[in-house]
Amino acid sequence: MNKDIDAIAAIAIGKIIRKYSRKEKAVATASKPLAIFDLEKDLLRRYHKAKSQGLTDFSFPEIKNVLDCIADILSYYKEKNQRRPIAERLITQTIHSIKNASQETLCTDITIDKCPPKNTISKITDANHQGFFNVKNENVIYRYGKQYCKNNVYETPYGGVKYPYAYCIRVMVQALTVLQALTVLDLITVSSSESDLQERYHYYIDYIIGNVPNIFILPTLRNISEATLIQTRSSRIQLCGIRSIWHDINRIRRIYQNNVWYSKQHKIPIDTLYTIMRKYSRTMKMNALRHNKVLYKILIEDALPFTKDTIENSKATCYPHERAFDNVETGNRYNRVNLRYYEQGNALR
C-alpha cells in the first residue's frame, strides 16, 4: 500500500513538474552559455534602481513559473487532504503566501475630501464581487509602479513590485518545507539525507538573501548539469533546483563565502573578482568546461573561485571549511557550535 501511494503521488507530481519545466526559460545551456550573464546585468539594474528609490527589494518575476508549479503541487495535496483539517489549512496558508508574492497594487482616484460612505468598498470580498466592478467602473484605476497616483493612501510594501525577490525566496523555501512534511504525512518515501540537509542548511537562507547583489539565487525546475554549474561559476547568479534545494543552498553559500575569502586574501573588491573570473572563464574552450572533472571538483565541490591561480595551485593549497555540531555542554542543549578550519580540498582525491 505504501509503495502504491508513493508511485501514484510520484506520477502526479512528476506530470506537474514536467508541465512547468517546458515553460521555463533556459538561462544557461550549451548553446547559450552567456544568457545567465545577461540576466545578471538585468538583476543588478533592478536592484540598484530599487535602492536609489529607497526600496528594500526588487521585482523578481523569473520565480513566477517555479512558484506556480509549487502551488499546483500543493493544490494536488490539498485535494488529497480534505479530511485532514490541519494539513488542509497548512496547505491553504502556503498557497496564500504564494499568491501574496504575485499581488498587484491598484490605486483609485478617490480623494480624501470625497470619501464614499462606510462599507462601500470595505465589504468587497473578492475580485468577482459586484462592488469591485463598481469601483473600477466609477473611478480611474492606477497600476502601482506603472502609473502615478497622487492619491495613494499608504506607503506600499516592496515599492508595489510584483514578486519581490527576498519575500519570494522565503516563500519558496517555506512551501517546499511544507511539501516535504506532507510527503511524510502521506507515508511517501523521503530521503533522510535531504531532511538532514534541511536541518543543517536552512540557517543559510537569510545569509544568502542578505548579501544581494553580490549573490543571487535563481530557482529552476530543470536538472542542473555539471557543465552548467561550471559555466555559471563566475556569475553572481547561482542556480537552485527545487528538487535539490538544500544541497544547492549549501553549494551557493560555500561559493559566496569562498568568493569573499578570496577577495580578502587578495585585497580586491568582490566586483573585481567577478570580472577576473568572467574574463578567465572565457579564455577556456567550452568543451574543456563541459567535460573536465577536475574543474568540477575545484569550482563546485570545493566551491573555489574560477581564477587562473586557483586552478593551477588547487593541489598545493588548503582552503576554508566549516562544520556545525550540536553543543553538548551543560545548559546548551539547544545550541550549536560551528567549527571553522583549513583543509585540502576534493581536487586531491
Protein backbone atom coordinates (compact mmCIF):
# COMPACT_ATOMS: atom_id res chain seq x y z
CA MET A 1 0.00 0.00 0.00
CA ASN A 2 2.81 2.38 0.92
CA LYS A 3 4.54 1.75 -2.42
CA ASP A 4 1.25 2.28 -4.29
CA ILE A 5 0.74 5.69 -2.64
CA ASP A 6 4.34 6.59 -3.37
CA ALA A 7 4.02 5.65 -7.06
CA ILE A 8 0.71 7.46 -7.61
CA ALA A 9 1.95 10.66 -5.99
CA ALA A 10 5.26 10.50 -7.87
CA ILE A 11 3.45 10.18 -11.22
CA ALA A 12 1.07 13.07 -10.44
CA ILE A 13 3.80 15.38 -9.16
CA GLY A 14 6.15 14.42 -11.99
CA LYS A 15 3.46 15.38 -14.50
CA ILE A 16 3.03 18.81 -12.86
CA ILE A 17 6.77 19.47 -12.80
CA ARG A 18 7.18 18.48 -16.46
CA LYS A 19 4.33 20.81 -17.42
CA TYR A 20 6.07 23.80 -15.86
CA SER A 21 9.57 22.72 -16.88
CA ARG A 22 8.52 23.11 -20.51
CA LYS A 23 7.58 26.72 -19.76
CA GLU A 24 10.85 27.57 -18.05
CA LYS A 25 13.23 29.78 -19.96
CA ALA A 26 16.74 28.34 -20.07
CA VAL A 27 19.35 30.74 -18.74
CA ALA A 28 22.41 28.54 -19.18
CA THR A 29 22.68 25.88 -21.87
CA ALA A 30 25.40 24.52 -24.11
CA SER A 31 24.09 26.66 -26.98
CA LYS A 32 23.57 29.81 -24.87
CA PRO A 33 26.08 29.72 -22.01
CA LEU A 34 26.14 33.50 -21.62
CA ALA A 35 22.39 34.00 -21.15
CA ILE A 36 22.77 33.94 -17.39
CA PHE A 37 25.18 36.87 -17.52
CA ASP A 38 22.60 38.93 -19.41
CA LEU A 39 20.10 38.15 -16.66
CA GLU A 40 22.71 39.10 -14.06
CA LYS A 41 23.08 42.55 -15.63
CA ASP A 42 19.30 42.97 -15.54
CA LEU A 43 19.06 41.92 -11.88
CA LEU A 44 21.82 44.35 -10.94
CA ARG A 45 19.98 47.11 -12.79
CA ARG A 46 16.72 46.33 -10.96
CA TYR A 47 18.50 46.13 -7.61
CA HIS A 48 20.29 49.48 -7.99
CA LYS A 49 17.15 51.19 -9.30
CA ALA A 50 15.17 49.98 -6.29
CA LYS A 51 17.94 51.02 -3.91
CA SER A 52 18.11 54.50 -5.44
CA GLN A 53 14.38 54.84 -4.70
CA GLY A 54 14.89 53.86 -1.07
CA LEU A 55 13.31 50.41 -1.54
CA THR A 56 14.47 47.27 0.22
CA ASP A 57 13.53 44.80 -2.51
CA PHE A 58 13.25 44.49 -6.29
CA SER A 59 10.98 42.68 -8.73
CA PHE A 60 11.91 39.08 -9.50
CA PRO A 61 9.27 37.73 -11.92
CA GLU A 62 11.67 34.97 -13.00
CA ILE A 63 10.42 33.00 -10.00
CA LYS A 64 6.76 33.00 -11.13
CA ASN A 65 6.93 29.70 -13.01
CA VAL A 66 8.54 27.90 -10.08
CA LEU A 67 6.03 29.30 -7.57
CA ASP A 68 3.11 28.38 -9.86
CA CYS A 69 4.47 24.83 -10.12
CA ILE A 70 4.81 24.52 -6.34
CA ALA A 71 1.29 25.92 -5.87
CA ASP A 72 -0.09 23.32 -8.29
CA ILE A 73 1.62 20.55 -6.35
CA LEU A 74 0.21 21.96 -3.12
CA SER A 75 -3.25 22.04 -4.70
CA TYR A 76 -2.83 18.34 -5.56
CA TYR A 77 -2.07 17.61 -1.91
CA LYS A 78 -4.95 19.79 -0.78
CA GLU A 79 -7.40 17.57 -2.64
CA LYS A 80 -5.81 14.52 -1.01
CA ASN A 81 -6.02 16.00 2.49
CA GLN A 82 -9.63 17.22 2.60
CA ARG A 83 -10.27 15.00 5.61
CA ARG A 84 -7.22 16.29 7.45
CA PRO A 85 -8.17 19.83 8.56
CA ILE A 86 -4.75 20.74 9.94
CA ALA A 87 -2.91 19.63 6.79
CA GLU A 88 -5.50 21.28 4.55
CA ARG A 89 -5.22 24.55 6.49
CA LEU A 90 -1.42 24.50 6.29
CA ILE A 91 -1.59 23.96 2.52
CA THR A 92 -4.12 26.78 2.10
CA GLN A 93 -1.96 29.20 4.10
CA THR A 94 1.07 28.33 2.00
CA ILE A 95 -0.80 28.84 -1.27
CA HIS A 96 -1.96 32.24 0.01
CA SER A 97 1.66 33.16 0.72
CA ILE A 98 2.49 32.36 -2.91
CA LYS A 99 -0.46 34.48 -4.07
CA ASN A 100 0.81 37.36 -1.92
CA ALA A 101 4.11 37.25 -3.80
CA SER A 102 2.34 37.97 -7.09
CA GLN A 103 -0.14 40.57 -5.89
CA GLU A 104 -0.53 43.74 -7.92
CA THR A 105 -1.19 47.02 -6.11
CA LEU A 106 -4.02 49.13 -7.55
CA CYS A 107 -4.98 52.67 -6.55
CA THR A 108 -8.18 54.63 -7.22
CA ASP A 109 -8.54 58.36 -7.88
CA ILE A 110 -10.78 58.76 -4.81
CA THR A 111 -9.64 61.84 -2.87
CA ILE A 112 -9.64 62.33 0.88
CA ASP A 113 -12.28 65.10 0.69
CA LYS A 114 -14.71 62.97 -1.34
CA CYS A 115 -14.82 59.69 0.56
CA PRO A 116 -17.64 57.26 -0.28
CA PRO A 117 -19.91 56.09 2.60
CA LYS A 118 -18.64 53.50 5.08
CA ASN A 119 -18.51 49.91 3.77
CA THR A 120 -18.86 50.99 0.13
CA ILE A 121 -15.55 49.33 -0.64
CA SER A 122 -14.59 47.68 2.67
CA LYS A 123 -17.21 44.95 2.29
CA ILE A 124 -15.87 43.78 -1.07
CA THR A 125 -14.92 40.13 -0.51
CA ASP A 126 -13.18 39.22 -3.78
CA ALA A 127 -12.50 40.37 -7.35
CA ASN A 128 -15.82 38.84 -8.52
CA HIS A 129 -17.83 40.96 -6.09
CA GLN A 130 -20.14 43.47 -7.76
CA GLY A 131 -18.68 46.21 -5.60
CA PHE A 132 -15.26 45.67 -7.14
CA PHE A 133 -16.70 46.13 -10.63
CA ASN A 134 -18.45 49.29 -9.44
CA VAL A 135 -15.19 50.72 -8.12
CA LYS A 136 -13.42 50.00 -11.43
CA ASN A 137 -16.30 51.43 -13.50
CA GLU A 138 -16.78 54.58 -11.43
CA ASN A 139 -13.14 55.51 -10.75
CA VAL A 140 -9.81 55.75 -12.51
CA ILE A 141 -7.64 52.77 -11.52
CA TYR A 142 -3.88 53.20 -11.41
CA ARG A 143 -1.45 50.29 -11.56
CA TYR A 144 1.18 50.97 -8.94
CA GLY A 145 4.68 51.30 -10.36
CA LYS A 146 3.33 51.83 -13.89
CA GLN A 147 1.06 54.85 -13.46
CA TYR A 148 1.44 57.61 -10.87
CA CYS A 149 -1.40 58.11 -8.41
CA LYS A 150 -1.06 61.17 -6.19
CA ASN A 151 -3.94 59.92 -4.03
CA ASN A 152 -2.14 56.76 -2.95
CA VAL A 153 -3.20 56.09 0.64
CA TYR A 154 -0.39 54.04 2.16
CA GLU A 155 3.33 53.55 1.88
CA THR A 156 3.33 50.49 -0.38
CA PRO A 157 5.33 47.44 0.80
CA TYR A 158 8.20 46.47 -1.51
CA GLY A 159 7.52 49.57 -3.59
CA GLY A 160 4.45 47.85 -5.01
CA VAL A 161 6.51 45.48 -7.17
CA LYS A 162 5.22 42.02 -8.06
CA TYR A 163 7.36 39.09 -6.97
CA PRO A 164 9.70 40.91 -4.54
CA TYR A 165 12.93 38.90 -4.52
CA ALA A 166 13.61 38.27 -0.82
CA TYR A 167 9.98 37.56 0.06
CA CYS A 168 9.65 35.15 -2.87
CA ILE A 169 12.75 33.14 -1.96
CA ARG A 170 11.49 32.79 1.63
CA VAL A 171 8.02 31.76 0.45
CA MET A 172 9.51 29.18 -1.92
CA VAL A 173 11.55 27.67 0.92
CA GLN A 174 8.52 27.67 3.22
CA ALA A 175 6.39 25.96 0.56
CA LEU A 176 8.98 23.28 -0.18
CA THR A 177 9.31 22.62 3.56
CA VAL A 178 5.53 22.15 3.77
CA LEU A 179 5.65 19.77 0.79
CA GLN A 180 8.31 17.71 2.48
CA ALA A 181 6.16 17.50 5.63
CA LEU A 182 3.17 16.40 3.53
CA THR A 183 5.12 13.60 1.91
CA VAL A 184 5.98 12.30 5.40
CA LEU A 185 2.34 12.61 6.46
CA ASP A 186 1.26 10.57 3.44
CA LEU A 187 3.89 7.92 4.16
CA ILE A 188 5.70 8.68 0.93
CA THR A 189 9.41 7.92 0.97
CA VAL A 190 11.55 10.96 1.74
CA SER A 191 15.32 10.86 1.61
CA SER A 192 16.73 11.02 5.13
CA SER A 193 19.76 12.82 3.72
CA GLU A 194 17.51 15.56 2.31
CA SER A 195 15.92 16.02 5.75
CA ASP A 196 19.36 16.19 7.32
CA LEU A 197 20.44 18.82 4.79
CA GLN A 198 17.39 20.96 5.58
CA GLU A 199 18.16 20.84 9.30
CA ARG A 200 21.74 21.95 8.65
CA TYR A 201 21.36 24.47 5.82
CA HIS A 202 18.10 26.36 6.47
CA TYR A 203 20.33 28.67 8.51
CA TYR A 204 21.96 30.00 5.33
CA ILE A 205 18.84 31.22 3.50
CA ASP A 206 18.76 34.69 5.02
CA TYR A 207 22.55 34.92 4.87
CA ILE A 208 22.43 34.50 1.08
CA ILE A 209 19.43 36.82 0.68
CA GLY A 210 21.16 39.45 2.81
CA ASN A 211 24.19 39.54 0.52
CA VAL A 212 22.37 40.64 -2.64
CA PRO A 213 23.63 41.97 -5.07
CA ASN A 214 26.86 40.01 -4.63
CA ILE A 215 24.96 36.72 -4.90
CA PHE A 216 21.53 35.82 -6.31
CA ILE A 217 19.51 32.59 -6.04
CA LEU A 218 17.78 31.58 -9.27
CA PRO A 219 15.32 28.69 -8.69
CA THR A 220 14.86 26.21 -11.50
CA LEU A 221 12.71 23.17 -12.25
CA ARG A 222 15.34 21.72 -14.57
CA ASN A 223 18.09 19.30 -13.65
CA ILE A 224 21.36 21.22 -13.31
CA SER A 225 24.25 19.56 -15.11
CA GLU A 226 27.87 19.66 -14.02
CA ALA A 227 28.67 21.59 -17.20
CA THR A 228 26.09 24.26 -16.37
CA LEU A 229 27.46 24.66 -12.85
CA ILE A 230 30.96 25.17 -14.24
CA GLN A 231 29.73 27.61 -16.90
CA THR A 232 27.89 29.73 -14.31
CA ARG A 233 30.53 29.62 -11.55
CA SER A 234 31.77 33.12 -12.42
CA SER A 235 28.27 34.65 -12.21
CA ARG A 236 26.60 36.33 -9.26
CA ILE A 237 23.57 34.19 -10.15
CA GLN A 238 23.66 30.63 -8.85
CA LEU A 239 21.05 28.06 -9.89
CA CYS A 240 18.99 26.28 -7.25
CA GLY A 241 16.93 23.21 -8.14
CA ILE A 242 13.67 22.79 -6.24
CA ARG A 243 14.27 19.03 -6.04
CA SER A 244 17.72 19.51 -4.54
CA ILE A 245 17.16 22.79 -2.76
CA TRP A 246 19.14 22.17 0.42
CA HIS A 247 22.11 20.69 -1.36
CA ASP A 248 22.09 23.67 -3.72
CA ILE A 249 21.61 26.27 -0.96
CA ASN A 250 24.72 24.90 0.71
CA ARG A 251 26.63 24.99 -2.59
CA ILE A 252 25.60 28.61 -3.16
CA ARG A 253 26.56 29.53 0.39
CA ARG A 254 30.02 27.96 0.01
CA ILE A 255 30.56 29.60 -3.38
CA TYR A 256 29.78 33.03 -1.95
CA GLN A 257 31.85 32.51 1.20
CA ASN A 258 34.83 31.43 -0.88
CA ASN A 259 34.40 34.44 -3.17
CA VAL A 260 34.55 36.69 -0.11
CA TRP A 261 37.51 34.74 1.32
CA TYR A 262 39.46 35.01 -1.96
CA SER A 263 38.70 38.74 -2.25
CA LYS A 264 40.01 39.37 1.26
CA GLN A 265 43.10 37.20 0.72
CA HIS A 266 43.97 39.15 -2.44
CA LYS A 267 42.74 42.52 -1.12
CA ILE A 268 40.42 43.18 -4.04
CA PRO A 269 36.72 44.18 -4.15
CA ILE A 270 34.36 41.32 -4.85
CA ASP A 271 33.21 43.12 -8.02
CA THR A 272 36.78 42.89 -9.28
CA LEU A 273 36.83 39.16 -8.54
CA TYR A 274 33.70 38.60 -10.64
CA THR A 275 35.35 40.50 -13.51
CA ILE A 276 38.52 38.39 -13.20
CA MET A 277 36.54 35.14 -13.12
CA ARG A 278 34.44 36.15 -16.11
CA LYS A 279 37.48 37.02 -18.23
CA TYR A 280 39.38 33.88 -17.28
CA SER A 281 36.46 31.52 -17.87
CA ARG A 282 36.02 32.97 -21.37
CA THR A 283 39.60 32.05 -22.27
CA MET A 284 38.84 28.36 -21.77
CA LYS A 285 37.31 26.29 -24.53
CA MET A 286 33.70 25.32 -23.86
CA ASN A 287 34.42 21.63 -24.42
CA ALA A 288 37.03 21.76 -21.67
CA LEU A 289 34.45 23.29 -19.33
CA ARG A 290 31.83 20.68 -20.14
CA HIS A 291 33.96 17.58 -19.68
CA ASN A 292 36.58 18.50 -17.13
CA LYS A 293 36.01 16.53 -13.92
CA VAL A 294 38.93 18.22 -12.20
CA LEU A 295 37.40 21.64 -12.84
CA TYR A 296 34.14 20.40 -11.32
CA LYS A 297 35.93 19.26 -8.17
CA ILE A 298 37.74 22.58 -7.84
CA LEU A 299 34.96 25.01 -8.76
CA ILE A 300 31.87 23.21 -7.46
CA GLU A 301 32.79 20.54 -4.91
CA ASP A 302 35.43 22.78 -3.33
CA ALA A 303 33.44 25.90 -4.41
CA LEU A 304 36.62 27.83 -5.22
CA PRO A 305 36.72 30.92 -7.46
CA PHE A 306 37.22 30.49 -11.20
CA THR A 307 40.67 32.09 -11.41
CA LYS A 308 43.94 31.06 -13.01
CA ASP A 309 45.87 30.83 -9.72
CA THR A 310 43.13 28.75 -8.10
CA ILE A 311 43.11 26.23 -10.95
CA GLU A 312 46.91 25.99 -11.16
CA ASN A 313 47.50 25.75 -7.40
CA SER A 314 44.47 23.71 -6.35
CA LYS A 315 46.54 20.70 -5.26
CA ALA A 316 49.01 22.66 -3.18
CA THR A 317 46.80 24.91 -1.09
CA CYS A 318 44.48 24.48 1.86
CA TYR A 319 41.05 26.08 1.80
CA PRO A 320 38.48 27.14 4.40
CA HIS A 321 35.82 24.69 5.59
CA GLU A 322 33.25 24.61 8.39
CA ARG A 323 31.20 22.02 10.25
CA ALA A 324 28.31 22.54 12.67
CA PHE A 325 27.65 20.28 15.66
CA ASP A 326 25.12 20.17 18.48
CA ASN A 327 26.56 21.67 21.65
CA VAL A 328 26.98 19.01 24.36
CA GLU A 329 27.83 21.45 27.15
CA THR A 330 25.51 21.55 30.15
CA GLY A 331 22.86 24.23 29.73
CA ASN A 332 23.39 24.49 25.97
CA ARG A 333 21.23 21.61 24.82
CA TYR A 334 19.53 23.71 22.14
CA ASN A 335 22.67 25.43 20.87
CA ARG A 336 25.15 24.56 18.15
CA VAL A 337 28.83 25.19 17.59
CA ASN A 338 30.34 25.95 14.19
CA LEU A 339 33.91 24.75 13.70
CA ARG A 340 35.93 26.54 11.02
CA TYR A 341 39.25 25.26 9.77
CA TYR A 342 41.62 24.90 6.80
CA GLU A 343 41.92 21.61 4.93
CA GLN A 344 42.89 20.34 1.50
CA GLY A 345 40.02 20.02 -0.96
CA ASN A 346 38.49 17.43 -3.28
CA ALA A 347 40.91 18.11 -6.15
CA LEU A 348 43.47 15.85 -4.48
CA ARG A 349 41.07 12.88 -4.25
